[in-house]
Amino acid sequence: MAPPGWEYRVLHINVDNNNPPGGPNPKQDSAKLGGSLSPEFLKREFPDQYTAAARKPVHPAEQLQFFLNQLGRDRWELVEAAQVGPLLMFIFKRPAAPA
């Protein structure tokens, strides 16, 4: 019986140092949804997203750490990170499930 191969996953992050992320903004979020949900509705229905604490942006390194830890729990191993133009590419692998 042949050993299992590898399964790969490639993710990218758009590196834009000129546009740091901000916190949640119900007006901007409503606009992204084409106005289908009003800012007032979003604040009322999703209070945890629009509290003062939620408006404080999370540092991108913390966001990436959280994401990488989740992939690690799913048994993905980071094997390479490389920048291609404005994209930061992450390549992960894990043993493929037996067929």
PDB file of N, CA and C in Angstrom:
ATOM      1  N   MET A   1       0.847  -1.182   0.000  1.00  0.00           N
ATOM      2  CA  MET A   1       0.000   0.000   0.000  1.00  0.00           C
ATOM      3  C   MET A   1       0.892   1.245   0.000  1.00  0.00           C
ATOM      4  N   ALA A   2       0.595   2.172  -0.878  1.00  0.00           N
ATOM      5  CA  ALA A   2       1.384   3.397  -0.984  1.00  0.00           C
ATOM      6  C   ALA A   2       1.060   4.335   0.179  1.00  0.00           C
ATOM      7  N   PRO A   3       2.069   5.047   0.684  1.00  0.00           N
ATOM      8  CA  PRO A   3       1.784   6.005   1.764  1.00  0.00           C
ATOM      9  C   PRO A   3       0.921   7.141   1.236  1.00  0.00           C
ATOM     10  N   PRO A   4       0.142   7.760   2.119  1.00  0.00           N
ATOM     11  CA  PRO A   4      -0.704   8.859   1.664  1.00  0.00           C
ATOM     12  C   PRO A   4       0.149  10.034   1.193  1.00  0.00           C
ATOM     13  N   GLY A   5      -0.356  10.773   0.244  1.00  0.00           N
ATOM     14  CA  GLY A   5       0.340  11.956  -0.248  1.00  0.00           C
ATOM     15  C   GLY A   5       0.051  13.151   0.650  1.00  0.00           C
ATOM     16  N   TRP A   6       0.285  14.308   0.110  1.00  0.00           N
ATOM     17  CA  TRP A   6       0.056  15.544   0.836  1.00  0.00           C
ATOM     18  C   TRP A   6      -1.140  16.300   0.267  1.00  0.00           C
ATOM     19  N   GLU A   7      -1.792  17.002   1.121  1.00  0.00           N
ATOM     20  CA  GLU A   7      -2.862  17.916   0.738  1.00  0.00           C
ATOM     21  C   GLU A   7      -2.313  19.322   0.985  1.00  0.00           C
ATOM     22  N   TYR A   8      -2.530  20.238   0.047  1.00  0.00           N
ATOM     23  CA  TYR A   8      -1.985  21.585   0.169  1.00  0.00           C
ATOM     24  C   TYR A   8      -3.096  22.623   0.234  1.00  0.00           C
ATOM     25  N   ARG A   9      -2.764  23.718   0.886  1.00  0.00           N
ATOM     26  CA  ARG A   9      -3.680  24.850   0.973  1.00  0.00           C
ATOM     27  C   ARG A   9      -2.842  26.109   0.807  1.00  0.00           C
ATOM     28  N   VAL A  10      -3.249  26.991  -0.083  1.00  0.00           N
ATOM     29  CA  VAL A  10      -2.534  28.243  -0.323  1.00  0.00           C
ATOM     30  C   VAL A  10      -3.477  29.394   0.002  1.00  0.00           C
ATOM     31  N   LEU A  11      -3.020  30.289   0.841  1.00  0.00           N
ATOM     32  CA  LEU A  11      -3.791  31.467   1.226  1.00  0.00           C
ATOM     33  C   LEU A  11      -2.976  32.700   0.907  1.00  0.00           C
ATOM     34  N   HIS A  12      -3.650  33.797   0.658  1.00  0.00           N
ATOM     35  CA  HIS A  12      -2.918  35.033   0.436  1.00  0.00           C
ATOM     36  C   HIS A  12      -3.536  36.173   1.228  1.00  0.00           C
ATOM     37  N   ILE A  13      -2.669  37.114   1.545  1.00  0.00           N
ATOM     38  CA  ILE A  13      -3.081  38.336   2.222  1.00  0.00           C
ATOM     39  C   ILE A  13      -2.602  39.483   1.354  1.00  0.00           C
ATOM     40  N   ASN A  14      -3.469  40.431   1.110  1.00  0.00           N
ATOM     41  CA  ASN A  14      -3.105  41.614   0.341  1.00  0.00           C
ATOM     42  C   ASN A  14      -2.365  42.568   1.269  1.00  0.00           C
ATOM     43  N   VAL A  15      -1.107  42.827   0.982  1.00  0.00           N
ATOM     44  CA  VAL A  15      -0.285  43.693   1.817  1.00  0.00           C
ATOM     45  C   VAL A  15      -0.456  45.128   1.339  1.00  0.00           C
ATOM     46  N   ASP A  16      -1.125  45.939   2.158  1.00  0.00           N
ATOM     47  CA  ASP A  16      -1.355  47.343   1.826  1.00  0.00           C
ATOM     48  C   ASP A  16      -0.989  48.163   3.048  1.00  0.00           C
ATOM     49  N   ASN A  17       0.244  48.628   3.099  1.00  0.00           N
ATOM     50  CA  ASN A  17       0.712  49.381   4.257  1.00  0.00           C
ATOM     51  C   ASN A  17       0.143  50.791   4.319  1.00  0.00           C
ATOM     52  N   ASN A  18      -0.506  51.240   3.279  1.00  0.00           N
ATOM     53  CA  ASN A  18      -1.039  52.599   3.252  1.00  0.00           C
ATOM     54  C   ASN A  18      -2.482  52.688   3.731  1.00  0.00           C
ATOM     55  N   ASN A  19      -3.094  51.541   4.049  1.00  0.00           N
ATOM     56  CA  ASN A  19      -4.495  51.541   4.433  1.00  0.00           C
ATOM     57  C   ASN A  19      -4.698  50.629   5.635  1.00  0.00           C
ATOM     58  N   PRO A  20      -4.300  51.088   6.860  1.00  0.00           N
ATOM     59  CA  PRO A  20      -4.440  50.224   8.027  1.00  0.00           C
ATOM     60  C   PRO A  20      -5.904  49.926   8.326  1.00  0.00           C
ATOM     61  N   PRO A  21      -6.182  48.735   8.866  1.00  0.00           N
ATOM     62  CA  PRO A  21      -7.578  48.371   9.155  1.00  0.00           C
ATOM     63  C   PRO A  21      -8.136  49.216  10.294  1.00  0.00           C
ATOM     64  N   GLY A  22      -9.393  49.506  10.202  1.00  0.00           N
ATOM     65  CA  GLY A  22     -10.081  50.228  11.267  1.00  0.00           C
ATOM     66  C   GLY A  22     -11.062  49.300  11.949  1.00  0.00           C
ATOM     67  N   GLY A  23     -11.697  49.816  12.961  1.00  0.00           N
ATOM     68  CA  GLY A  23     -12.689  49.017  13.664  1.00  0.00           C
ATOM     69  C   GLY A  23     -13.995  48.966  12.913  1.00  0.00           C
ATOM     70  N   PRO A  24     -14.965  48.210  13.420  1.00  0.00           N
ATOM     71  CA  PRO A  24     -16.273  48.122  12.777  1.00  0.00           C
ATOM     72  C   PRO A  24     -16.948  49.488  12.706  1.00  0.00           C
ATOM     73  N   ASN A  25     -17.587  49.742  11.585  1.00  0.00           N
ATOM     74  CA  ASN A  25     -18.278  51.010  11.374  1.00  0.00           C
ATOM     75  C   ASN A  25     -19.626  50.694  10.730  1.00  0.00           C
ATOM     76  N   PRO A  26     -20.737  50.899  11.469  1.00  0.00           N
ATOM     77  CA  PRO A  26     -22.043  50.506  10.923  1.00  0.00           C
ATOM     78  C   PRO A  26     -22.417  51.239   9.639  1.00  0.00           C
ATOM     79  N   LYS A  27     -21.978  52.502   9.489  1.00  0.00           N
ATOM     80  CA  LYS A  27     -22.301  53.235   8.258  1.00  0.00           C
ATOM     81  C   LYS A  27     -21.569  52.616   7.069  1.00  0.00           C
ATOM     82  N   GLN A  28     -20.277  52.317   7.242  1.00  0.00           N
ATOM     83  CA  GLN A  28     -19.519  51.696   6.156  1.00  0.00           C
ATOM     84  C   GLN A  28     -20.040  50.294   5.856  1.00  0.00           C
ATOM     85  N   ASP A  29     -20.370  49.559   6.915  1.00  0.00           N
ATOM     86  CA  ASP A  29     -20.872  48.197   6.715  1.00  0.00           C
ATOM     87  C   ASP A  29     -22.225  48.205   5.998  1.00  0.00           C
ATOM     88  N   SER A  30     -23.070  49.172   6.335  1.00  0.00           N
ATOM     89  CA  SER A  30     -24.348  49.302   5.641  1.00  0.00           C
ATOM     90  C   SER A  30     -24.116  49.611   4.166  1.00  0.00           C
ATOM     91  N   ALA A  31     -23.168  50.495   3.886  1.00  0.00           N
ATOM     92  CA  ALA A  31     -22.858  50.846   2.495  1.00  0.00           C
ATOM     93  C   ALA A  31     -22.335  49.634   1.728  1.00  0.00           C
ATOM     94  N   LYS A  32     -21.509  48.796   2.382  1.00  0.00           N
ATOM     95  CA  LYS A  32     -20.994  47.584   1.728  1.00  0.00           C
ATOM     96  C   LYS A  32     -22.137  46.643   1.345  1.00  0.00           C
ATOM     97  N   LEU A  33     -23.199  46.694   2.122  1.00  0.00           N
ATOM     98  CA  LEU A  33     -24.368  45.846   1.856  1.00  0.00           C
ATOM     99  C   LEU A  33     -25.369  46.539   0.928  1.00  0.00           C
ATOM    100  N   GLY A  34     -24.947  47.627   0.321  1.00  0.00           N
ATOM    101  CA  GLY A  34     -25.824  48.346  -0.600  1.00  0.00           C
ATOM    102  C   GLY A  34     -26.994  49.018   0.093  1.00  0.00           C
ATOM    103  N   GLY A  35     -26.866  49.274   1.399  1.00  0.00           N
ATOM    104  CA  GLY A  35     -27.932  49.927   2.141  1.00  0.00           C
ATOM    105  C   GLY A  35     -29.093  49.010   2.483  1.00  0.00           C
ATOM    106  N   SER A  36     -28.950  47.700   2.202  1.00  0.00           N
ATOM    107  CA  SER A  36     -30.056  46.783   2.483  1.00  0.00           C
ATOM    108  C   SER A  36     -30.331  46.655   3.984  1.00  0.00           C
ATOM    109  N   LEU A  37     -29.320  46.903   4.813  1.00  0.00           N
ATOM    110  CA  LEU A  37     -29.500  46.949   6.264  1.00  0.00           C
ATOM    111  C   LEU A  37     -29.002  48.306   6.735  1.00  0.00           C
ATOM    112  N   SER A  38     -29.807  49.008   7.491  1.00  0.00           N
ATOM    113  CA  SER A  38     -29.432  50.345   7.943  1.00  0.00           C
ATOM    114  C   SER A  38     -28.355  50.259   9.027  1.00  0.00           C
ATOM    115  N   PRO A  39     -27.583  51.339   9.208  1.00  0.00           N
ATOM    116  CA  PRO A  39     -26.606  51.357  10.297  1.00  0.00           C
ATOM    117  C   PRO A  39     -27.260  51.148  11.658  1.00  0.00           C
ATOM    118  N   GLU A  40     -28.442  51.706  11.847  1.00  0.00           N
ATOM    119  CA  GLU A  40     -29.157  51.553  13.122  1.00  0.00           C
ATOM    120  C   GLU A  40     -29.516  50.087  13.366  1.00  0.00           C
ATOM    121  N   PHE A  41     -29.991  49.413  12.316  1.00  0.00           N
ATOM    122  CA  PHE A  41     -30.345  47.996  12.434  1.00  0.00           C
ATOM    123  C   PHE A  41     -29.101  47.179  12.791  1.00  0.00           C
ATOM    124  N   LEU A  42     -27.989  47.440  12.109  1.00  0.00           N
ATOM    125  CA  LEU A  42     -26.758  46.692  12.374  1.00  0.00           C
ATOM    126  C   LEU A  42     -26.302  46.880  13.817  1.00  0.00           C
ATOM    127  N   LYS A  43     -26.341  48.123  14.310  1.00  0.00           N
ATOM    128  CA  LYS A  43     -25.927  48.373  15.703  1.00  0.00           C
ATOM    129  C   LYS A  43     -26.857  47.683  16.687  1.00  0.00           C
ATOM    130  N   ARG A  44     -28.145  47.676  16.398  1.00  0.00           N
ATOM    131  CA  ARG A  44     -29.128  47.076  17.298  1.00  0.00           C
ATOM    132  C   ARG A  44     -29.031  45.549  17.290  1.00  0.00           C
ATOM    133  N   GLU A  45     -28.900  44.949  16.111  1.00  0.00           N
ATOM    134  CA  GLU A  45     -28.919  43.493  15.995  1.00  0.00           C
ATOM    135  C   GLU A  45     -27.561  42.833  16.271  1.00  0.00           C
ATOM    136  N   PHE A  46     -26.486  43.603  16.145  1.00  0.00           N
ATOM    137  CA  PHE A  46     -25.145  43.057  16.368  1.00  0.00           C
ATOM    138  C   PHE A  46     -24.379  43.940  17.357  1.00  0.00           C
ATOM    139  N   PRO A  47     -24.899  44.078  18.581  1.00  0.00           N
ATOM    140  CA  PRO A  47     -24.283  45.004  19.537  1.00  0.00           C
ATOM    141  C   PRO A  47     -22.841  44.642  19.888  1.00  0.00           C
ATOM    142  N   ASP A  48     -22.510  43.371  19.893  1.00  0.00           N
ATOM    143  CA  ASP A  48     -21.138  42.975  20.229  1.00  0.00           C
ATOM    144  C   ASP A  48     -20.135  43.464  19.193  1.00  0.00           C
ATOM    145  N   GLN A  49     -20.584  43.661  17.971  1.00  0.00           N
ATOM    146  CA  GLN A  49     -19.688  44.118  16.909  1.00  0.00           C
ATOM    147  C   GLN A  49     -19.438  45.624  16.960  1.00  0.00           C
ATOM    148  N   TYR A  50     -20.345  46.359  17.582  1.00  0.00           N
ATOM    149  CA  TYR A  50     -20.268  47.814  17.504  1.00  0.00           C
ATOM    150  C   TYR A  50     -20.119  48.490  18.861  1.00  0.00           C
ATOM    151  N   THR A  51     -19.667  47.767  19.874  1.00  0.00           N
ATOM    152  CA  THR A  51     -19.394  48.385  21.171  1.00  0.00           C
ATOM    153  C   THR A  51     -18.080  49.149  21.082  1.00  0.00           C
ATOM    154  N   ALA A  52     -17.801  49.953  22.097  1.00  0.00           N
ATOM    155  CA  ALA A  52     -16.548  50.718  22.116  1.00  0.00           C
ATOM    156  C   ALA A  52     -15.345  49.779  22.065  1.00  0.00           C
ATOM    157  N   ALA A  53     -15.418  48.641  22.771  1.00  0.00           N
ATOM    158  CA  ALA A  53     -14.298  47.693  22.763  1.00  0.00           C
ATOM    159  C   ALA A  53     -14.103  47.083  21.374  1.00  0.00           C
ATOM    160  N   ALA A  54     -15.198  46.822  20.673  1.00  0.00           N
ATOM    161  CA  ALA A  54     -15.088  46.216  19.342  1.00  0.00           C
ATOM    162  C   ALA A  54     -14.543  47.204  18.325  1.00  0.00           C
ATOM    163  N   ARG A  55     -14.728  48.503  18.564  1.00  0.00           N
ATOM    164  CA  ARG A  55     -14.243  49.506  17.622  1.00  0.00           C
ATOM    165  C   ARG A  55     -12.733  49.636  17.651  1.00  0.00           C
ATOM    166  N   LYS A  56     -12.104  49.177  18.751  1.00  0.00           N
ATOM    167  CA  LYS A  56     -10.647  49.230  18.830  1.00  0.00           C
ATOM    168  C   LYS A  56     -10.093  48.184  17.869  1.00  0.00           C
ATOM    169  N   PRO A  57      -9.336  48.600  16.861  1.00  0.00           N
ATOM    170  CA  PRO A  57      -8.843  47.624  15.885  1.00  0.00           C
ATOM    171  C   PRO A  57      -7.868  46.643  16.523  1.00  0.00           C
ATOM    172  N   VAL A  58      -7.932  45.395  16.087  1.00  0.00           N
ATOM    173  CA  VAL A  58      -7.007  44.362  16.536  1.00  0.00           C
ATOM    174  C   VAL A  58      -5.797  44.424  15.617  1.00  0.00           C
ATOM    175  N   HIS A  59      -4.627  44.416  16.215  1.00  0.00           N
ATOM    176  CA  HIS A  59      -3.394  44.495  15.428  1.00  0.00           C
ATOM    177  C   HIS A  59      -3.363  43.350  14.414  1.00  0.00           C
ATOM    178  N   PRO A  60      -2.929  43.626  13.182  1.00  0.00           N
ATOM    179  CA  PRO A  60      -2.885  42.570  12.163  1.00  0.00           C
ATOM    180  C   PRO A  60      -2.090  41.332  12.584  1.00  0.00           C
ATOM    181  N   ALA A  61      -1.038  41.510  13.379  1.00  0.00           N
ATOM    182  CA  ALA A  61      -0.263  40.352  13.839  1.00  0.00           C
ATOM    183  C   ALA A  61      -1.115  39.452  14.731  1.00  0.00           C
ATOM    184  N   GLU A  62      -1.957  40.048  15.577  1.00  0.00           N
ATOM    185  CA  GLU A  62      -2.847  39.249  16.431  1.00  0.00           C
ATOM    186  C   GLU A  62      -3.885  38.516  15.599  1.00  0.00           C
ATOM    187  N   GLN A  63      -4.406  39.192  14.567  1.00  0.00           N
ATOM    188  CA  GLN A  63      -5.377  38.542  13.690  1.00  0.00           C
ATOM    189  C   GLN A  63      -4.740  37.345  12.986  1.00  0.00           C
ATOM    190  N   LEU A  64      -3.520  37.544  12.485  1.00  0.00           N
ATOM    191  CA  LEU A  64      -2.824  36.465  11.790  1.00  0.00           C
ATOM    192  C   LEU A  64      -2.508  35.322  12.742  1.00  0.00           C
ATOM    193  N   GLN A  65      -2.085  35.640  13.946  1.00  0.00           N
ATOM    194  CA  GLN A  65      -1.788  34.607  14.940  1.00  0.00           C
ATOM    195  C   GLN A  65      -3.022  33.760  15.227  1.00  0.00           C
ATOM    196  N   PHE A  66      -4.160  34.399  15.419  1.00  0.00           N
ATOM    197  CA  PHE A  66      -5.408  33.675  15.670  1.00  0.00           C
ATOM    198  C   PHE A  66      -5.718  32.732  14.509  1.00  0.00           C
ATOM    199  N   PHE A  67      -5.587  33.247  13.293  1.00  0.00           N
ATOM    200  CA  PHE A  67      -5.873  32.468  12.093  1.00  0.00           C
ATOM    201  C   PHE A  67      -4.912  31.290  11.944  1.00  0.00           C
ATOM    202  N   LEU A  68      -3.616  31.536  12.140  1.00  0.00           N
ATOM    203  CA  LEU A  68      -2.629  30.457  12.016  1.00  0.00           C
ATOM    204  C   LEU A  68      -2.833  29.385  13.085  1.00  0.00           C
ATOM    205  N   ASN A  69      -3.184  29.799  14.296  1.00  0.00           N
ATOM    206  CA  ASN A  69      -3.455  28.817  15.348  1.00  0.00           C
ATOM    207  C   ASN A  69      -4.650  27.943  14.989  1.00  0.00           C
ATOM    208  N   GLN A  70      -5.671  28.528  14.383  1.00  0.00           N
ATOM    209  CA  GLN A  70      -6.836  27.745  13.966  1.00  0.00           C
ATOM    210  C   GLN A  70      -6.437  26.718  12.909  1.00  0.00           C
ATOM    211  N   LEU A  71      -5.639  27.131  11.930  1.00  0.00           N
ATOM    212  CA  LEU A  71      -5.181  26.180  10.913  1.00  0.00           C
ATOM    213  C   LEU A  71      -4.338  25.075  11.547  1.00  0.00           C
ATOM    214  N   GLY A  72      -3.507  25.425  12.519  1.00  0.00           N
ATOM    215  CA  GLY A  72      -2.713  24.415  13.218  1.00  0.00           C
ATOM    216  C   GLY A  72      -3.590  23.395  13.926  1.00  0.00           C
ATOM    217  N   ARG A  73      -4.675  23.856  14.546  1.00  0.00           N
ATOM    218  CA  ARG A  73      -5.611  22.925  15.192  1.00  0.00           C
ATOM    219  C   ARG A  73      -6.263  21.997  14.169  1.00  0.00           C
ATOM    220  N   ASP A  74      -6.391  22.489  12.930  1.00  0.00           N
ATOM    221  CA  ASP A  74      -6.949  21.666  11.854  1.00  0.00           C
ATOM    222  C   ASP A  74      -5.870  20.824  11.177  1.00  0.00           C
ATOM    223  N   ARG A  75      -4.686  20.759  11.797  1.00  0.00           N
ATOM    224  CA  ARG A  75      -3.560  19.904  11.369  1.00  0.00           C
ATOM    225  C   ARG A  75      -2.814  20.435  10.140  1.00  0.00           C
ATOM    226  N   TRP A  76      -3.010  21.707   9.767  1.00  0.00           N
ATOM    227  CA  TRP A  76      -2.254  22.293   8.664  1.00  0.00           C
ATOM    228  C   TRP A  76      -0.919  22.765   9.203  1.00  0.00           C
ATOM    229  N   GLU A  77       0.147  22.513   8.444  1.00  0.00           N
ATOM    230  CA  GLU A  77       1.491  22.958   8.806  1.00  0.00           C
ATOM    231  C   GLU A  77       1.936  24.024   7.800  1.00  0.00           C
ATOM    232  N   LEU A  78       2.360  25.180   8.309  1.00  0.00           N
ATOM    233  CA  LEU A  78       2.878  26.232   7.445  1.00  0.00           C
ATOM    234  C   LEU A  78       4.258  25.808   6.954  1.00  0.00           C
ATOM    235  N   VAL A  79       4.414  25.714   5.636  1.00  0.00           N
ATOM    236  CA  VAL A  79       5.704  25.282   5.079  1.00  0.00           C
ATOM    237  C   VAL A  79       6.448  26.418   4.394  1.00  0.00           C
ATOM    238  N   GLU A  80       5.740  27.471   4.001  1.00  0.00           N
ATOM    239  CA  GLU A  80       6.428  28.587   3.367  1.00  0.00           C
ATOM    240  C   GLU A  80       5.545  29.824   3.366  1.00  0.00           C
ATOM    241  N   ALA A  81       6.189  30.974   3.475  1.00  0.00           N
ATOM    242  CA  ALA A  81       5.525  32.262   3.296  1.00  0.00           C
ATOM    243  C   ALA A  81       6.401  33.057   2.337  1.00  0.00           C
ATOM    244  N   ALA A  82       5.801  33.602   1.291  1.00  0.00           N
ATOM    245  CA  ALA A  82       6.546  34.361   0.294  1.00  0.00           C
ATOM    246  C   ALA A  82       5.691  35.512  -0.192  1.00  0.00           C
ATOM    247  N   GLN A  83       6.340  36.623  -0.512  1.00  0.00           N
ATOM    248  CA  GLN A  83       5.603  37.759  -1.053  1.00  0.00           C
ATOM    249  C   GLN A  83       5.714  37.745  -2.570  1.00  0.00           C
ATOM    250  N   VAL A  84       4.562  37.859  -3.218  1.00  0.00           N
ATOM    251  CA  VAL A  84       4.478  37.925  -4.677  1.00  0.00           C
ATOM    252  C   VAL A  84       3.760  39.231  -4.994  1.00  0.00           C
ATOM    253  N   GLY A  85       4.522  40.249  -5.389  1.00  0.00           N
ATOM    254  CA  GLY A  85       3.922  41.570  -5.594  1.00  0.00           C
ATOM    255  C   GLY A  85       3.314  42.048  -4.291  1.00  0.00           C
ATOM    256  N   PRO A  86       2.064  42.505  -4.311  1.00  0.00           N
ATOM    257  CA  PRO A  86       1.431  42.976  -3.080  1.00  0.00           C
ATOM    258  C   PRO A  86       0.804  41.851  -2.247  1.00  0.00           C
ATOM    259  N   LEU A  87       0.949  40.607  -2.691  1.00  0.00           N
ATOM    260  CA  LEU A  87       0.331  39.476  -1.980  1.00  0.00           C
ATOM    261  C   LEU A  87       1.351  38.724  -1.140  1.00  0.00           C
ATOM    262  N   LEU A  88       0.978  38.444   0.097  1.00  0.00           N
ATOM    263  CA  LEU A  88       1.769  37.583   0.950  1.00  0.00           C
ATOM    264  C   LEU A  88       1.125  36.209   0.890  1.00  0.00           C
ATOM    265  N   MET A  89       1.848  35.249   0.330  1.00  0.00           N
ATOM    266  CA  MET A  89       1.319  33.902   0.119  1.00  0.00           C
ATOM    267  C   MET A  89       1.766  32.983   1.256  1.00  0.00           C
ATOM    268  N   PHE A  90       0.845  32.219   1.796  1.00  0.00           N
ATOM    269  CA  PHE A  90       1.119  31.225   2.813  1.00  0.00           C
ATOM    270  C   PHE A  90       0.803  29.851   2.239  1.00  0.00           C
ATOM    271  N   ILE A  91       1.751  28.938   2.324  1.00  0.00           N
ATOM    272  CA  ILE A  91       1.550  27.590   1.796  1.00  0.00           C
ATOM    273  C   ILE A  91       1.573  26.631   2.988  1.00  0.00           C
ATOM    274  N   PHE A  92       0.506  25.846   3.089  1.00  0.00           N
ATOM    275  CA  PHE A  92       0.341  24.882   4.169  1.00  0.00           C
ATOM    276  C   PHE A  92       0.244  23.484   3.573  1.00  0.00           C
ATOM    277  N   LYS A  93       0.588  22.479   4.369  1.00  0.00           N
ATOM    278  CA  LYS A  93       0.391  21.095   3.930  1.00  0.00           C
ATOM    279  C   LYS A  93      -0.018  20.259   5.142  1.00  0.00           C
ATOM    280  N   ARG A  94      -0.643  19.133   4.827  1.00  0.00           N
ATOM    281  CA  ARG A  94      -0.968  18.123   5.840  1.00  0.00           C
ATOM    282  C   ARG A  94      -1.109  16.813   5.100  1.00  0.00           C
ATOM    283  N   PRO A  95      -0.927  15.698   5.795  1.00  0.00           N
ATOM    284  CA  PRO A  95      -1.095  14.405   5.121  1.00  0.00           C
ATOM    285  C   PRO A  95      -2.513  14.284   4.565  1.00  0.00           C
ATOM    286  N   ALA A  96      -2.600  13.780   3.360  1.00  0.00           N
ATOM    287  CA  ALA A  96      -3.896  13.581   2.728  1.00  0.00           C
ATOM    288  C   ALA A  96      -4.629  12.440   3.419  1.00  0.00           C
ATOM    289  N   ALA A  97      -5.931  12.542   3.467  1.00  0.00           N
ATOM    290  CA  ALA A  97      -6.743  11.481   4.029  1.00  0.00           C
ATOM    291  C   ALA A  97      -6.653  10.254   3.130  1.00  0.00           C
ATOM    292  N   PRO A  98      -6.600   9.055   3.702  1.00  0.00           N
ATOM    293  CA  PRO A  98      -6.561   7.854   2.862  1.00  0.00           C
ATOM    294  C   PRO A  98      -7.766   7.786   1.942  1.00  0.00           C
ATOM    295  N   ALA A  99      -7.524   7.367   0.734  1.00  0.00           N
ATOM    296  CA  ALA A  99      -8.613   7.275  -0.243  1.00  0.00           C
ATOM    297  C   ALA A  99      -9.482   6.072  -0.013  1.00  0.00           C
TER     298      ALA A  99
END
